[in-house]
Each structure stands twice: as structure tokens, then as C-alpha cells.
Amino acid sequence: MRALTARRGLADPLPPAAALALLAVAAAALEASVLCWASVGALAGYALSGSV
């Protein structure tokens, strides 16, 4: 039962999307434009892949 709960938590699409969004905001704040656009592109690819 505990393994199923852990697997369900790892399969949840919210944590990776939230991490990528946080990375994009942090990169924008640090004026790291390449990293910012890379994380925005990763968010777009993640959304278009059907994972969300």
C-alpha cells in the first residue's frame, strides 16, 4: 500500500511543473536569459507531451 502511494506521488505532474516554473522565475530574477528560456521551453514541452 505504501509503495502505491509513493508511486502515485512520483507520477503526479505538479511537482516537475512547479520545479520548472520556479527555475524559470529564479533564472529571470538572476537575469540568466538562456536558462530562463530553456526552462520555459521545458515547461512547454512537458505540457505538449501530454504529461500534464
Protein backbone atom coordinates (compact mmCIF):
# COMPACT_ATOMS: atom_id res chain seq x y z
CA MET A 1 0.00 0.00 0.00
CA ARG A 2 2.82 2.41 0.87
CA ALA A 3 4.61 1.67 -2.44
CA LEU A 4 1.46 2.53 -4.36
CA THR A 5 1.20 5.86 -2.55
CA ALA A 6 4.86 6.65 -3.28
CA ARG A 7 4.44 5.73 -6.94
CA ARG A 8 1.34 7.89 -7.21
CA GLY A 9 3.23 10.81 -5.68
CA LEU A 10 6.09 10.40 -8.15
CA ALA A 11 3.68 10.21 -11.09
CA ASP A 12 1.90 13.42 -10.11
CA PRO A 13 2.54 16.08 -12.79
CA LEU A 14 2.50 19.01 -10.36
CA PRO A 15 5.99 18.70 -8.76
CA PRO A 16 8.02 18.74 -12.02
CA ALA A 17 5.91 21.55 -13.47
CA ALA A 18 6.25 23.55 -10.27
CA ALA A 19 10.01 22.95 -10.19
CA LEU A 20 10.40 24.11 -13.80
CA ALA A 21 8.26 27.19 -13.16
CA LEU A 22 10.34 28.04 -10.09
CA LEU A 23 13.52 27.57 -12.12
CA ALA A 24 12.19 29.93 -14.81
CA VAL A 25 11.34 32.62 -12.26
CA ALA A 26 14.69 32.26 -10.48
CA ALA A 27 16.59 32.43 -13.76
CA ALA A 28 14.67 35.53 -14.78
CA ALA A 29 15.45 37.15 -11.43
CA LEU A 30 19.15 36.40 -11.90
CA GLU A 31 18.98 37.71 -15.47
CA ALA A 32 20.12 34.34 -16.80
CA SER A 33 18.13 34.59 -20.01
CA VAL A 34 19.38 31.35 -21.59
CA LEU A 35 18.44 29.30 -18.54
CA CYS A 36 15.13 31.12 -18.26
CA TRP A 37 14.18 30.36 -21.86
CA ALA A 38 15.41 26.78 -21.52
CA SER A 39 13.15 26.21 -18.52
CA VAL A 40 10.21 27.87 -20.28
CA GLY A 41 10.83 25.59 -23.26
CA ALA A 42 10.95 22.58 -20.95
CA LEU A 43 7.60 23.62 -19.46
CA ALA A 44 6.11 23.94 -22.94
CA GLY A 45 7.46 20.55 -24.00
CA TYR A 46 6.20 18.97 -20.79
CA ALA A 47 2.74 20.42 -21.34
CA LEU A 48 2.62 19.41 -25.01
CA SER A 49 3.78 15.86 -24.30
CA GLY A 50 0.51 15.08 -22.55
CA SER A 51 2.17 14.63 -19.17
CA VAL A 52 0.04 17.34 -17.61
